[in-house]
C-alpha cells in the first residue's frame, strides 16, 4: 500500500466533507465558530477511529447478514462513551455541542467507513482510515468555522475555555468591533462558505493537474528531441 496516497486521499483528494459531502448537517450547524468546529471534529475523529478498529478486530465473527445492526450497536456504544467523557470532563463543550454529539450515531461517514473499510481490511488500515477521515472532516470544519467566526462575529477562538478549562472566558481575540457580514453567521452562511471552500479546493486541484500535464508534455518533448 502507498501510504502517501492513503494519507492524501483521506485528508484532501477524497475529503469526506469537501468531496464526498457526507454528514453535512453537523458540519454546517456547529461551525459558527472555531471552538465548536474543533470540538465536534475531534469527537467525530475519536468515534471513527475507535469504531473502525473494533469492527476490524471482530469482522470475522460478525455475521454478514446482520452486520449493519451490529455496526450501529458498536457506534452507538462508542458515541455514548464519548458523550459521557465530555459530560464529565468538558461540560462547557458538551453543552455547546448539545444534541449533535448523540447524532454522530446517524452520521453516514461513520457507518460508511465501517462498511467499506473496517469490515474488509486489517486493524492497521482501519485505524488510520478512521483517524485520517476524521481529521480531514475536522480540517474542513475548522476552516468553515474560522471564516464564519471572523466574518460573522469579528472574533477568533471565542469560547476556547470550553476546551482548555484553565483559561478564562475572556481569552479570545477580538478582531473587529462589530460583525462584518451577519449572513455568514446564519445557517445559509454555512452553505455559502462550504460552497466557496469546495470551489477553492477544485481550483487548486485543477491548477495542480494543469501544471502536472505541462511538465509531462515538457518531458515528452525533450525525449523526442
Protein backbone atom coordinates (compact mmCIF):
# COMPACT_ATOMS: atom_id res chain seq x y z
CA UNK A 1 0.00 0.00 0.00
CA UNK A 2 1.22 3.51 -0.85
CA UNK A 3 0.82 5.34 2.44
CA UNK A 4 1.39 8.78 0.90
CA UNK A 5 -1.60 8.28 -1.35
CA UNK A 6 -3.53 6.77 1.57
CA UNK A 7 -2.99 9.92 3.65
CA UNK A 8 -3.59 12.35 0.80
CA UNK A 9 -6.80 10.68 -0.31
CA UNK A 10 -8.47 10.90 3.08
CA UNK A 11 -7.20 14.32 4.08
CA UNK A 12 -7.55 16.10 0.74
CA UNK A 13 -8.44 14.45 -2.56
CA UNK A 14 -11.38 12.45 -1.16
CA UNK A 15 -12.22 14.60 1.87
CA UNK A 16 -15.46 13.45 3.48
CA UNK A 17 -16.83 17.00 3.85
CA UNK A 18 -15.44 18.80 0.78
CA UNK A 19 -15.59 15.99 -1.80
CA UNK A 20 -17.94 13.24 -0.62
CA UNK A 21 -20.25 15.79 1.07
CA UNK A 22 -21.17 13.35 3.84
CA UNK A 23 -22.50 14.29 7.27
CA UNK A 24 -23.08 17.92 6.33
CA UNK A 25 -25.78 18.54 8.96
CA UNK A 26 -23.35 18.78 11.94
CA UNK A 27 -20.66 20.32 9.73
CA UNK A 28 -22.90 23.27 8.84
CA UNK A 29 -24.73 23.53 12.16
CA UNK A 30 -21.74 23.54 14.53
CA UNK A 31 -19.23 25.61 12.55
CA UNK A 32 -20.38 29.05 13.69
CA UNK A 33 -17.02 29.34 15.47
CA UNK A 34 -13.66 27.56 15.55
CA UNK A 35 -14.01 26.04 19.03
CA UNK A 36 -17.28 24.24 18.27
CA UNK A 37 -15.84 23.02 14.95
CA UNK A 38 -12.72 21.62 16.62
CA UNK A 39 -14.73 20.04 19.45
CA UNK A 40 -17.13 18.26 17.11
CA UNK A 41 -14.32 17.31 14.73
CA UNK A 42 -12.16 15.73 17.44
CA UNK A 43 -15.17 13.86 18.88
CA UNK A 44 -16.04 12.51 15.43
CA UNK A 45 -12.39 11.52 14.84
CA UNK A 46 -12.24 9.53 18.09
CA UNK A 47 -15.50 7.76 17.28
CA UNK A 48 -14.40 6.94 13.72
CA UNK A 49 -11.04 5.59 14.90
CA UNK A 50 -12.46 3.50 17.75
CA UNK A 51 -15.40 2.04 15.81
CA UNK A 52 -13.24 1.22 12.78
CA UNK A 53 -10.72 -0.58 15.00
CA UNK A 54 -13.35 -2.56 16.93
CA UNK A 55 -15.21 -3.63 13.77
CA UNK A 56 -11.94 -4.66 12.10
CA UNK A 57 -10.97 -6.81 15.10
CA UNK A 58 -14.31 -8.62 15.18
CA UNK A 59 -15.01 -8.71 11.42
CA UNK A 60 -14.64 -12.50 11.22
CA UNK A 61 -17.25 -13.12 13.93
CA UNK A 62 -19.79 -10.52 12.75
CA UNK A 63 -22.41 -12.28 10.59
CA UNK A 64 -22.65 -10.69 7.18
CA UNK A 65 -26.45 -10.62 7.04
CA UNK A 66 -26.81 -8.66 10.29
CA UNK A 67 -23.61 -6.59 10.12
CA UNK A 68 -25.34 -3.19 9.83
CA UNK A 69 -27.32 -3.52 13.11
CA UNK A 70 -24.12 -4.68 14.83
CA UNK A 71 -22.24 -1.70 13.37
CA UNK A 72 -24.95 0.60 14.74
CA UNK A 73 -24.66 -1.04 18.16
CA UNK A 74 -20.88 -0.55 18.23
CA UNK A 75 -21.15 3.05 17.01
CA UNK A 76 -23.90 3.98 19.48
CA UNK A 77 -21.94 2.44 22.37
CA UNK A 78 -18.81 4.39 21.40
CA UNK A 79 -20.77 7.64 21.00
CA UNK A 80 -22.34 7.15 24.44
CA UNK A 81 -18.88 6.67 26.00
CA UNK A 82 -17.52 9.81 24.31
CA UNK A 83 -20.61 11.75 25.36
CA UNK A 84 -20.18 10.67 28.99
CA UNK A 85 -16.48 11.62 28.94
CA UNK A 86 -17.31 15.09 27.58
CA UNK A 87 -20.07 15.46 30.15
CA UNK A 88 -17.65 14.59 32.95
CA UNK A 89 -14.52 16.45 31.89
CA UNK A 90 -15.55 19.08 29.30
CA UNK A 91 -19.02 20.08 30.43
CA UNK A 92 -18.99 23.51 28.75
CA UNK A 93 -18.06 21.95 25.41
CA UNK A 94 -20.67 19.25 25.97
CA UNK A 95 -23.38 21.91 26.47
CA UNK A 96 -22.19 23.82 23.41
CA UNK A 97 -22.25 20.79 21.09
CA UNK A 98 -25.58 19.65 22.53
CA UNK A 99 -27.63 17.18 20.51
CA UNK A 100 -25.01 16.89 17.77
CA UNK A 101 -22.88 14.52 19.88
CA UNK A 102 -25.51 11.71 20.05
CA UNK A 103 -26.42 12.47 16.42
CA UNK A 104 -22.98 11.18 15.39
CA UNK A 105 -24.61 7.73 15.66
CA UNK A 106 -26.57 8.54 12.48
CA UNK A 107 -23.62 10.16 10.72
CA UNK A 108 -23.24 8.40 7.38
CA UNK A 109 -19.46 8.87 7.46
CA UNK A 110 -19.12 6.51 10.44
CA UNK A 111 -21.31 3.74 9.03
CA UNK A 112 -19.84 4.24 5.55
CA UNK A 113 -16.25 3.73 6.71
CA UNK A 114 -17.28 0.74 8.83
CA UNK A 115 -18.90 -0.94 5.83
CA UNK A 116 -16.38 -0.05 3.13
CA UNK A 117 -13.09 -0.17 5.08
CA UNK A 118 -13.21 -1.65 8.60
CA UNK A 119 -15.21 -4.76 7.66
CA UNK A 120 -12.84 -5.59 4.80
CA UNK A 121 -9.38 -4.57 5.98
CA UNK A 122 -6.80 -5.07 8.72
CA UNK A 123 -6.90 -3.20 12.01
CA UNK A 124 -3.93 -1.03 10.98
CA UNK A 125 -5.63 0.16 7.79
CA UNK A 126 -8.95 0.60 9.60
CA UNK A 127 -7.36 2.58 12.43
CA UNK A 128 -5.59 5.03 10.14
CA UNK A 129 -8.61 5.27 7.85
CA UNK A 130 -10.80 6.36 10.78
CA UNK A 131 -8.14 8.73 12.10
CA UNK A 132 -7.42 10.42 8.77
CA UNK A 133 -11.05 10.56 7.64
CA UNK A 134 -11.92 12.25 10.93
CA UNK A 135 -9.01 14.66 10.69
CA UNK A 136 -9.99 15.53 7.11
CA UNK A 137 -13.51 16.38 8.27
CA UNK A 138 -12.09 18.32 11.24
CA UNK A 139 -9.84 20.30 8.90
CA UNK A 140 -12.81 21.24 6.72
CA UNK A 141 -14.89 22.20 9.77
CA UNK A 142 -12.00 24.28 11.14
CA UNK A 143 -11.76 26.43 8.01
CA UNK A 144 -15.55 26.81 7.75
CA UNK A 145 -15.68 27.82 11.42
CA UNK A 146 -12.71 30.16 11.02
CA UNK A 147 -14.29 32.07 8.13
CA UNK A 148 -17.74 32.21 9.74
CA UNK A 149 -16.41 33.34 13.12
CA UNK A 150 -14.16 36.07 11.76
CA UNK A 151 -16.60 37.48 9.22
CA UNK A 152 -19.77 36.79 11.18
CA UNK A 153 -18.70 37.74 14.71
CA UNK A 154 -15.35 39.51 14.35
CA UNK A 155 -13.67 37.14 16.83
CA UNK A 156 -11.19 34.28 16.80
CA UNK A 157 -11.16 31.33 19.24
CA UNK A 158 -14.18 32.62 21.13
CA UNK A 159 -15.08 30.07 23.81
CA UNK A 160 -11.62 28.47 23.90
CA UNK A 161 -12.17 27.97 27.66
CA UNK A 162 -14.62 25.18 26.70
CA UNK A 163 -11.63 23.08 25.59
CA UNK A 164 -8.96 24.41 28.00
CA UNK A 165 -10.68 24.70 31.37
CA UNK A 166 -7.85 26.69 32.96
CA UNK A 167 -8.46 29.64 30.59
CA UNK A 168 -10.90 32.43 31.36
CA UNK A 169 -14.00 33.31 29.37
CA UNK A 170 -12.27 36.46 28.08
CA UNK A 171 -9.38 34.52 26.48
CA UNK A 172 -10.12 35.09 22.80
CA UNK A 173 -9.15 37.53 20.05
CA UNK A 174 -11.47 40.39 19.18
CA UNK A 175 -10.56 41.30 15.61
CA UNK A 176 -13.41 43.70 14.82
CA UNK A 177 -15.71 45.78 16.98
CA UNK A 178 -18.80 44.67 15.08
CA UNK A 179 -19.99 41.93 12.76
CA UNK A 180 -18.82 42.31 9.16
CA UNK A 181 -21.20 40.02 7.31
CA UNK A 182 -24.07 38.92 9.54
CA UNK A 183 -25.28 36.47 6.86
CA UNK A 184 -22.13 34.36 7.29
CA UNK A 185 -23.04 33.55 10.89
CA UNK A 186 -26.55 32.42 9.92
CA UNK A 187 -27.44 28.90 8.63
CA UNK A 188 -27.43 29.99 4.94
CA UNK A 189 -23.93 31.37 5.53
CA UNK A 190 -22.69 27.88 6.27
CA UNK A 191 -23.78 26.72 2.82
CA UNK A 192 -22.13 29.75 1.19
CA UNK A 193 -18.81 29.22 2.97
CA UNK A 194 -18.84 25.49 2.21
CA UNK A 195 -19.54 26.23 -1.46
CA UNK A 196 -16.66 28.71 -1.69
CA UNK A 197 -14.28 26.27 0.02
CA UNK A 198 -15.25 23.49 -2.38
CA UNK A 199 -14.75 25.84 -5.34
CA UNK A 200 -11.35 26.92 -3.95
CA UNK A 201 -10.27 23.30 -3.48
CA UNK A 202 -11.38 22.37 -7.01
CA UNK A 203 -9.48 25.36 -8.37
CA UNK A 204 -6.29 24.27 -6.59
CA UNK A 205 -6.69 20.70 -7.85
CA UNK A 206 -7.24 21.87 -11.46
CA UNK A 207 -4.21 24.16 -11.38
CA UNK A 208 -2.08 21.34 -9.99
CA UNK A 209 -3.35 18.99 -12.69
CA UNK A 210 -2.56 21.55 -15.40
CA UNK A 211 0.98 22.00 -14.08
CA UNK A 212 1.43 18.23 -13.97
CA UNK A 213 0.26 17.85 -17.57
CA UNK A 214 2.51 20.72 -18.65
CA UNK A 215 5.53 19.07 -17.00
CA UNK A 216 4.70 15.74 -18.67
CA UNK A 217 4.49 17.47 -22.08
CA UNK A 218 7.85 19.14 -21.50
CA UNK A 219 9.46 15.82 -20.55
CA UNK A 220 7.85 14.10 -23.52
CA UNK A 221 9.04 16.79 -25.94
CA UNK A 222 12.58 16.67 -24.51
CA UNK A 223 12.72 12.90 -25.14
CA UNK A 224 11.62 13.45 -28.76
CA UNK A 225 14.46 15.88 -29.31
